[in-house]
Protein backbone atom coordinates (compact mmCIF):
# COMPACT_ATOMS: atom_id res chain seq x y z
CA MET A 1 4.28 -24.51 -33.27
CA PRO A 2 1.01 -24.77 -31.06
CA GLU A 3 2.01 -21.48 -29.30
CA ILE A 4 1.91 -19.52 -32.56
CA LYS A 5 -1.58 -20.56 -33.34
CA GLN A 6 -2.65 -19.64 -29.70
CA ILE A 7 -0.95 -16.01 -30.15
CA THR A 8 -2.63 -15.79 -33.46
CA GLN A 9 -6.05 -16.64 -31.62
CA ILE A 10 -5.48 -13.99 -28.97
CA ILE A 11 -4.63 -11.35 -31.51
CA SER A 12 -7.59 -12.21 -33.71
CA ASP A 13 -9.81 -11.82 -30.67
CA LEU A 14 -8.32 -8.60 -29.51
CA ASN A 15 -8.88 -7.33 -33.20
CA LYS A 16 -12.60 -8.33 -32.88
CA LYS A 17 -12.65 -6.44 -29.64
CA ILE A 18 -13.33 -9.74 -27.71
CA TYR A 19 -11.75 -8.83 -24.18
CA HIS A 20 -11.41 -11.00 -21.35
CA PRO A 21 -11.04 -9.67 -17.73
CA VAL A 22 -7.68 -11.48 -17.02
CA TYR A 23 -4.69 -12.49 -19.24
CA PHE A 24 -1.70 -14.20 -17.84
CA PHE A 25 1.42 -14.89 -19.90
CA GLN A 26 4.40 -16.88 -18.67
CA GLY A 27 7.31 -18.64 -19.61
CA GLU A 28 10.98 -18.86 -20.39
CA GLU A 29 10.91 -16.97 -23.66
CA PRO A 30 10.07 -13.34 -23.24
CA PHE A 31 9.64 -12.31 -26.76
CA TYR A 32 6.06 -13.34 -27.34
CA ILE A 33 4.90 -12.08 -23.80
CA ASP A 34 6.27 -8.73 -24.68
CA TYR A 35 4.49 -8.87 -28.27
CA LEU A 36 1.20 -9.66 -26.92
CA SER A 37 1.35 -7.12 -23.86
CA ASP A 38 2.54 -4.34 -26.42
CA PHE A 39 -0.08 -5.35 -28.70
CA MET A 40 -2.97 -4.82 -25.96
CA GLU A 41 -1.06 -1.59 -24.87
CA GLU A 42 -1.36 -0.02 -28.11
CA ASN A 43 -4.54 -1.39 -29.43
CA ILE A 44 -7.36 -1.89 -26.72
CA LEU A 45 -7.78 1.85 -25.82
CA THR A 46 -7.87 4.98 -28.01
CA GLU A 47 -5.41 7.80 -27.02
CA THR A 48 -8.22 9.56 -25.36
CA GLU A 49 -9.22 6.68 -23.34
CA LYS A 50 -5.68 5.98 -22.14
CA GLU A 51 -5.33 9.14 -20.43
CA PHE A 52 -7.64 7.88 -17.37
CA ASN A 53 -7.85 4.29 -17.96
CA HIS A 54 -4.50 2.84 -19.04
CA LEU A 55 -1.95 1.88 -16.35
CA VAL A 56 1.46 0.13 -16.53
CA VAL A 57 3.16 -1.22 -13.21
CA TYR A 58 5.98 -3.27 -12.42
CA GLY A 59 5.89 -6.36 -10.20
CA LYS A 60 8.58 -5.11 -7.85
CA ASP A 61 6.84 -1.57 -7.40
CA THR A 62 3.42 -2.79 -6.47
CA THR A 63 1.61 -5.53 -4.21
CA ALA A 64 -1.11 -7.86 -4.90
CA VAL A 65 -3.58 -5.87 -2.54
CA ASN A 66 -2.86 -2.61 -4.36
CA LEU A 67 -3.48 -4.43 -7.74
CA ILE A 68 -6.86 -5.67 -6.49
CA ASN A 69 -7.68 -2.23 -5.57
CA LEU A 70 -6.60 -0.69 -8.89
CA ALA A 71 -8.37 -3.53 -10.81
CA ARG A 72 -11.70 -3.00 -9.03
CA GLN A 73 -11.87 0.79 -9.99
CA TYR A 74 -14.44 1.49 -12.76
CA PRO A 75 -13.26 3.17 -16.03
CA MET A 76 -13.79 6.73 -16.82
CA MET A 77 -15.26 7.88 -20.04
CA SER A 78 -14.64 4.39 -21.49
CA ASN A 79 -15.84 0.90 -21.66
CA PHE A 80 -12.60 -0.78 -20.31
CA LYS A 81 -9.66 0.09 -17.98
CA VAL A 82 -6.45 -1.60 -18.90
CA ILE A 83 -3.79 -2.61 -16.32
CA ILE A 84 -0.67 -4.15 -17.65
CA VAL A 85 1.73 -5.66 -14.94
CA LYS A 86 5.09 -5.99 -16.31
CA GLU A 87 7.77 -8.42 -14.56
CA ALA A 88 5.01 -9.85 -12.65
CA GLN A 89 7.26 -12.73 -11.44
CA GLN A 90 8.68 -10.11 -9.01
CA LEU A 91 5.53 -9.44 -7.50
CA ASP A 92 5.49 -10.52 -3.82
CA LYS A 93 2.78 -13.13 -2.80
CA ILE A 94 1.26 -13.12 -6.37
CA ASP A 95 -1.16 -16.03 -5.40
CA ALA A 96 -2.88 -13.26 -3.18
CA LEU A 97 -4.51 -12.18 -6.59
CA GLN A 98 -6.37 -15.61 -6.59
CA PRO A 99 -9.68 -14.03 -5.09
CA TYR A 100 -9.97 -11.27 -7.79
CA ILE A 101 -9.02 -13.70 -10.60
CA GLU A 102 -11.94 -15.83 -9.58
CA LYS A 103 -14.21 -12.95 -9.46
CA PRO A 104 -12.86 -10.05 -11.60
CA LEU A 105 -14.28 -6.86 -12.58
CA THR A 106 -15.54 -7.16 -16.36
CA THR A 107 -14.67 -3.62 -17.13
CA THR A 108 -11.06 -4.05 -16.12
CA ILE A 109 -8.63 -5.83 -18.22
CA LEU A 110 -5.75 -7.28 -16.10
CA VAL A 111 -2.48 -8.33 -18.05
CA LEU A 112 0.05 -10.12 -16.11
CA CYS A 113 3.50 -10.59 -17.61
CA TYR A 114 5.11 -13.34 -15.70
CA LYS A 115 8.63 -13.91 -17.36
CA TYR A 116 11.30 -16.43 -17.20
CA LYS A 117 9.52 -18.43 -14.77
CA LYS A 118 6.26 -20.69 -14.33
CA ILE A 119 3.64 -20.75 -11.76
CA ASP A 120 3.60 -24.32 -9.77
CA LYS A 121 0.97 -26.35 -11.56
CA ARG A 122 0.14 -28.04 -8.25
CA THR A 123 -1.10 -24.85 -6.56
CA GLY A 124 -4.68 -23.57 -6.45
CA PHE A 125 -3.52 -20.39 -7.89
CA PHE A 126 -2.33 -21.84 -11.01
CA LYS A 127 -5.73 -23.88 -11.54
CA SER A 128 -7.79 -20.59 -10.86
CA LEU A 129 -5.52 -18.89 -13.68
CA GLN A 130 -6.08 -21.91 -16.19
CA LYS A 131 -9.93 -21.63 -15.40
CA ASN A 132 -10.49 -17.92 -15.23
CA SER A 133 -7.86 -16.27 -17.50
CA VAL A 134 -6.72 -16.36 -21.08
CA PHE A 135 -3.39 -18.14 -19.99
CA TYR A 136 -0.42 -18.35 -22.37
CA GLU A 137 2.96 -20.11 -21.85
CA SER A 138 5.90 -19.04 -23.99
CA SER A 139 8.46 -21.74 -24.04
CA ARG A 140 12.04 -21.40 -25.18
CA ILE A 141 12.39 -22.12 -28.75
CA ARG A 142 14.48 -25.33 -29.60
CA ASP A 143 17.85 -24.76 -31.23
CA GLU A 144 17.05 -26.59 -34.26
CA ASP A 145 13.90 -24.41 -35.02
CA VAL A 146 15.67 -21.31 -35.01
CA PRO A 147 16.63 -20.90 -38.55
CA GLY A 148 13.17 -21.98 -39.60
CA TRP A 149 11.73 -19.23 -37.28
CA ILE A 150 13.86 -16.71 -38.72
CA ASN A 151 12.95 -17.71 -42.26
CA GLN A 152 9.24 -17.25 -41.21
CA TYR A 153 9.60 -14.08 -39.43
CA LEU A 154 11.30 -12.53 -42.53
CA ARG A 155 8.81 -14.09 -44.88
CA GLU A 156 6.03 -12.44 -43.07
CA ARG A 157 7.62 -8.98 -43.76
CA GLY A 158 8.41 -9.82 -47.47
CA TYR A 159 11.87 -11.06 -47.20
CA THR A 160 13.63 -14.54 -47.89
CA ILE A 161 17.09 -15.47 -46.54
CA THR A 162 19.59 -17.94 -47.60
CA PRO A 163 20.15 -21.10 -45.61
CA LYS A 164 23.75 -20.01 -44.74
CA ALA A 165 22.74 -16.33 -43.62
CA SER A 166 19.89 -17.92 -41.27
CA GLN A 167 22.31 -20.49 -39.69
CA LEU A 168 24.93 -17.75 -39.33
CA LEU A 169 22.53 -15.74 -37.36
CA PHE A 170 21.55 -18.45 -35.31
CA GLU A 171 25.08 -19.77 -34.66
CA TYR A 172 25.84 -16.03 -33.40
CA LEU A 173 22.74 -15.01 -31.55
CA GLY A 174 21.48 -18.31 -30.11
CA ASN A 175 17.80 -18.88 -29.65
CA GLU A 176 16.93 -15.43 -27.79
CA LEU A 177 14.16 -14.29 -30.25
CA ALA A 178 14.08 -10.42 -29.09
CA LYS A 179 17.94 -10.36 -29.83
CA ILE A 180 17.36 -11.99 -33.15
CA VAL A 181 14.74 -9.72 -33.99
CA ASN A 182 16.68 -6.51 -32.83
CA GLU A 183 19.49 -7.59 -35.27
CA ILE A 184 17.13 -8.44 -38.10
CA GLY A 185 15.74 -4.85 -37.64
CA LYS A 186 19.12 -3.33 -38.29
CA MET A 187 19.17 -5.00 -41.70
CA ILE A 188 15.60 -4.64 -43.04
CA ILE A 189 15.51 -0.93 -42.18
CA ASN A 190 18.25 -0.61 -44.83
CA ILE A 191 17.04 -3.31 -47.38
CA PRO A 192 13.76 -2.63 -48.96
CA ALA A 193 11.30 -5.51 -49.55
CA PRO A 194 10.88 -7.74 -51.16
CA ALA A 195 14.54 -8.98 -51.00
CA GLU A 196 16.75 -11.79 -50.10
CA ILE A 197 19.05 -11.62 -47.04
CA ASN A 198 22.38 -13.11 -47.56
CA GLU A 199 25.70 -13.45 -45.67
CA ASN A 200 26.91 -10.15 -47.12
CA ASP A 201 23.85 -8.45 -45.72
CA ILE A 202 24.70 -10.06 -42.19
CA GLU A 203 28.14 -8.81 -42.50
CA THR A 204 27.25 -5.26 -43.53
CA TYR A 205 24.57 -4.45 -41.14
CA ILE A 206 24.87 -6.74 -38.19
CA GLY A 207 28.87 -6.82 -38.23
CA ILE A 208 29.18 -10.69 -38.31
CA SER A 209 32.14 -11.51 -40.64
CA LYS A 210 30.95 -13.75 -43.55
CA ASP A 211 34.28 -15.42 -43.86
CA PHE A 212 35.48 -15.60 -40.07
CA ASN A 213 32.74 -17.06 -38.26
CA ILE A 214 31.94 -20.31 -36.36
CA PHE A 215 29.85 -21.71 -39.42
CA GLU A 216 32.94 -21.24 -41.67
CA LEU A 217 35.23 -22.45 -38.84
CA GLN A 218 33.15 -25.90 -38.69
CA LYS A 219 33.29 -26.13 -42.39
CA ALA A 220 36.90 -25.61 -42.30
CA ILE A 221 37.31 -28.40 -39.60
CA GLY A 222 35.08 -30.68 -41.53
CA ARG A 223 37.19 -30.36 -44.49
CA LYS A 224 40.37 -30.64 -42.49
CA ASP A 225 41.36 -27.43 -44.00
CA ILE A 226 44.20 -26.64 -41.57
CA TYR A 227 45.02 -23.24 -43.01
CA LYS A 228 41.46 -21.89 -43.17
CA ALA A 229 40.81 -23.25 -39.59
CA ASN A 230 43.81 -21.61 -38.30
CA GLN A 231 42.91 -18.26 -40.05
CA ILE A 232 39.60 -18.25 -38.39
CA ILE A 233 40.72 -19.34 -34.90
CA ASN A 234 43.42 -16.57 -34.87
CA TYR A 235 40.56 -14.26 -35.95
CA PHE A 236 38.52 -15.17 -32.91
CA ALA A 237 41.69 -15.08 -30.68
CA ASP A 238 42.07 -11.36 -31.74
CA ASN A 239 38.39 -10.74 -31.15
CA PRO A 240 37.64 -12.71 -28.13
CA LYS A 241 34.61 -10.38 -27.13
CA ASN A 242 32.72 -11.22 -30.26
CA ASN A 243 33.91 -14.76 -30.28
CA PRO A 244 34.37 -16.26 -26.80
CA LEU A 245 35.95 -19.63 -26.51
CA ILE A 246 33.24 -20.87 -24.24
CA LYS A 247 30.58 -20.29 -26.96
CA THR A 248 32.85 -21.75 -29.86
CA ILE A 249 33.29 -24.91 -27.68
CA ALA A 250 29.48 -25.26 -27.11
CA ILE A 251 28.89 -24.94 -30.81
CA LEU A 252 31.57 -27.36 -31.94
CA TYR A 253 30.41 -29.81 -29.20
CA ALA A 254 26.93 -29.77 -31.10
CA TYR A 255 28.41 -30.23 -34.32
CA PHE A 256 30.77 -33.32 -33.62
CA CYS A 257 27.73 -35.05 -31.86
CA LYS A 258 25.87 -34.66 -35.08
CA ILE A 259 28.55 -36.07 -37.14
CA LEU A 260 28.77 -39.01 -34.64
CA ILE A 261 25.03 -39.36 -35.09
CA PHE A 262 25.51 -39.48 -38.77
CA HIS A 263 28.08 -42.36 -38.45
CA GLN A 264 25.23 -44.35 -36.59
CA LEU A 265 22.74 -43.89 -39.06
CA ALA A 266 21.62 -47.21 -41.12
CA ASP A 267 20.43 -45.21 -44.20
CA LYS A 268 22.87 -42.40 -44.82
CA ASN A 269 21.48 -41.55 -48.34
CA ASN A 270 17.75 -40.64 -47.46
CA THR A 271 18.18 -37.15 -47.43
CA ARG A 272 14.94 -36.20 -45.39
CA GLU A 273 15.68 -38.67 -42.72
CA VAL A 274 19.14 -37.75 -42.30
CA ALA A 275 18.21 -33.99 -42.18
CA ALA A 276 15.70 -34.96 -39.45
CA ALA A 277 18.12 -37.04 -37.49
CA LEU A 278 20.77 -34.26 -37.47
CA SER A 279 18.14 -31.39 -36.83
CA VAL A 280 19.85 -29.51 -39.88
CA ASN A 281 18.66 -27.97 -43.13
CA PRO A 282 19.16 -30.52 -46.00
CA TYR A 283 21.29 -27.78 -47.63
CA PHE A 284 24.15 -28.50 -45.07
CA LEU A 285 24.11 -32.25 -45.42
CA ASN A 286 27.13 -32.48 -47.76
CA ASP A 287 29.26 -30.65 -45.33
CA TYR A 288 28.47 -33.23 -42.63
CA LYS A 289 28.94 -35.98 -44.96
CA MET A 290 32.58 -34.78 -45.77
CA ALA A 291 33.24 -34.33 -42.06
CA ALA A 292 32.01 -37.91 -41.58
CA ARG A 293 34.59 -39.19 -43.91
CA ASN A 294 37.49 -37.41 -42.42
CA TYR A 295 36.56 -38.16 -38.92
CA SER A 296 36.01 -41.65 -37.56
CA SER A 297 33.78 -42.53 -34.95
CA ALA A 298 36.73 -43.07 -32.38
CA LYS A 299 38.18 -39.71 -33.37
CA LEU A 300 35.04 -38.18 -32.73
CA VAL A 301 34.61 -39.52 -29.27
CA GLN A 302 37.95 -38.27 -28.71
CA ILE A 303 37.01 -34.66 -29.99
CA ILE A 304 34.03 -34.71 -27.86
CA SER A 305 36.07 -35.62 -24.69
CA LEU A 306 38.58 -32.92 -25.58
CA LEU A 307 35.87 -30.34 -25.86
CA ARG A 308 34.60 -31.20 -22.26
CA LYS A 309 38.11 -30.87 -21.20
CA TYR A 310 38.71 -27.34 -22.73
CA ASP A 311 35.20 -26.33 -21.39
CA GLY A 312 36.60 -27.07 -17.98
CA LYS A 313 39.83 -25.09 -18.81
CA ILE A 314 38.00 -22.01 -19.97
CA LYS A 315 36.11 -22.19 -16.61
CA GLY A 316 39.36 -22.10 -14.71
CA ILE A 317 39.92 -25.96 -14.29
CA ASP A 318 43.58 -27.00 -14.77
CA ALA A 319 43.85 -23.96 -17.02
CA GLY A 320 47.36 -22.86 -15.85
CA SER A 321 48.40 -19.49 -17.31
CA ALA A 322 47.22 -19.95 -20.92
CA SER A 323 45.23 -17.21 -22.33
CA GLU A 324 41.84 -17.76 -24.08
CA GLY A 325 43.46 -17.36 -27.45
CA ASP A 326 46.24 -20.03 -26.66
CA LEU A 327 43.68 -22.33 -25.40
CA SER A 328 41.75 -22.00 -28.57
CA ARG A 329 44.78 -22.50 -30.73
CA GLU A 330 45.99 -25.54 -28.72
CA LEU A 331 42.12 -27.06 -28.91
CA LEU A 332 42.10 -26.53 -32.55
CA PHE A 333 45.46 -28.27 -33.10
CA HIS A 334 44.17 -31.38 -30.97
CA ILE A 335 40.87 -31.49 -33.10
CA LEU A 336 42.91 -31.30 -36.47
CA HIS A 337 45.63 -33.87 -35.72
């Protein structure tokens, strides 16, 4: 990921005390924006220097004019003054900062954390940021890259993780990195490194059942194991808060689309190419091959249409009086038969 290289470079420069007057971090993924701003908050100034020269403000609580006035103040008993603006996307008329960004005070380090949004690239403000600041854009990680990201995050901390466990984390936590890191933290605080994380650890420390989860539901459906699939869907129906049907439908939709893609591949025996086409770990390919034997292309098209229909039902379209549990059981029946 090119973004990781940029983060590494920023951290490397900070560790070498190579500072710039303006840093602008923007994008849909807040994890790395927080990571960079937290690192700067903790490492640029000493505790003594922070007393007079460190300031954290929130976008909704300040103005561009006020920020410029603060940024133009010289540090006291320190070489630098650090101002971190959190939730900068809430700052009214942020483009009013442009004159300062073009001529900043070199003894001030102004850090702007602009989350979940992006500055319009057509504006003069954007062009000024690119030219006069350390500009970093944090994009939302693609779903297919999340298990690999989990592997790398744990590897850097002295752990490995089984393919099934990393997939299980992704299926339940999605691609929100801060949430994933928080849940991983619950595990590794109890498991000394070096160690391999497995699905038993996921169940013990995070609370995701290793037997009754969306991953096992996919496998049971793929094998047409009617008994096991119904066991799991009944468990989901009894625990709707942790297993909402709308999330189950979204994951099953992606699953069946991948099986349909598998049917369309010319060479189904080239492991690397098939895994790349499906965006899955090669470890799981046998599951997809079995599912493809059990579901024809025509049946898959029918199931995908069915999932769209039930997605509408769970959102209130022609749902009638059926409960979420009833809808989930009904949906599973139509998938398997």
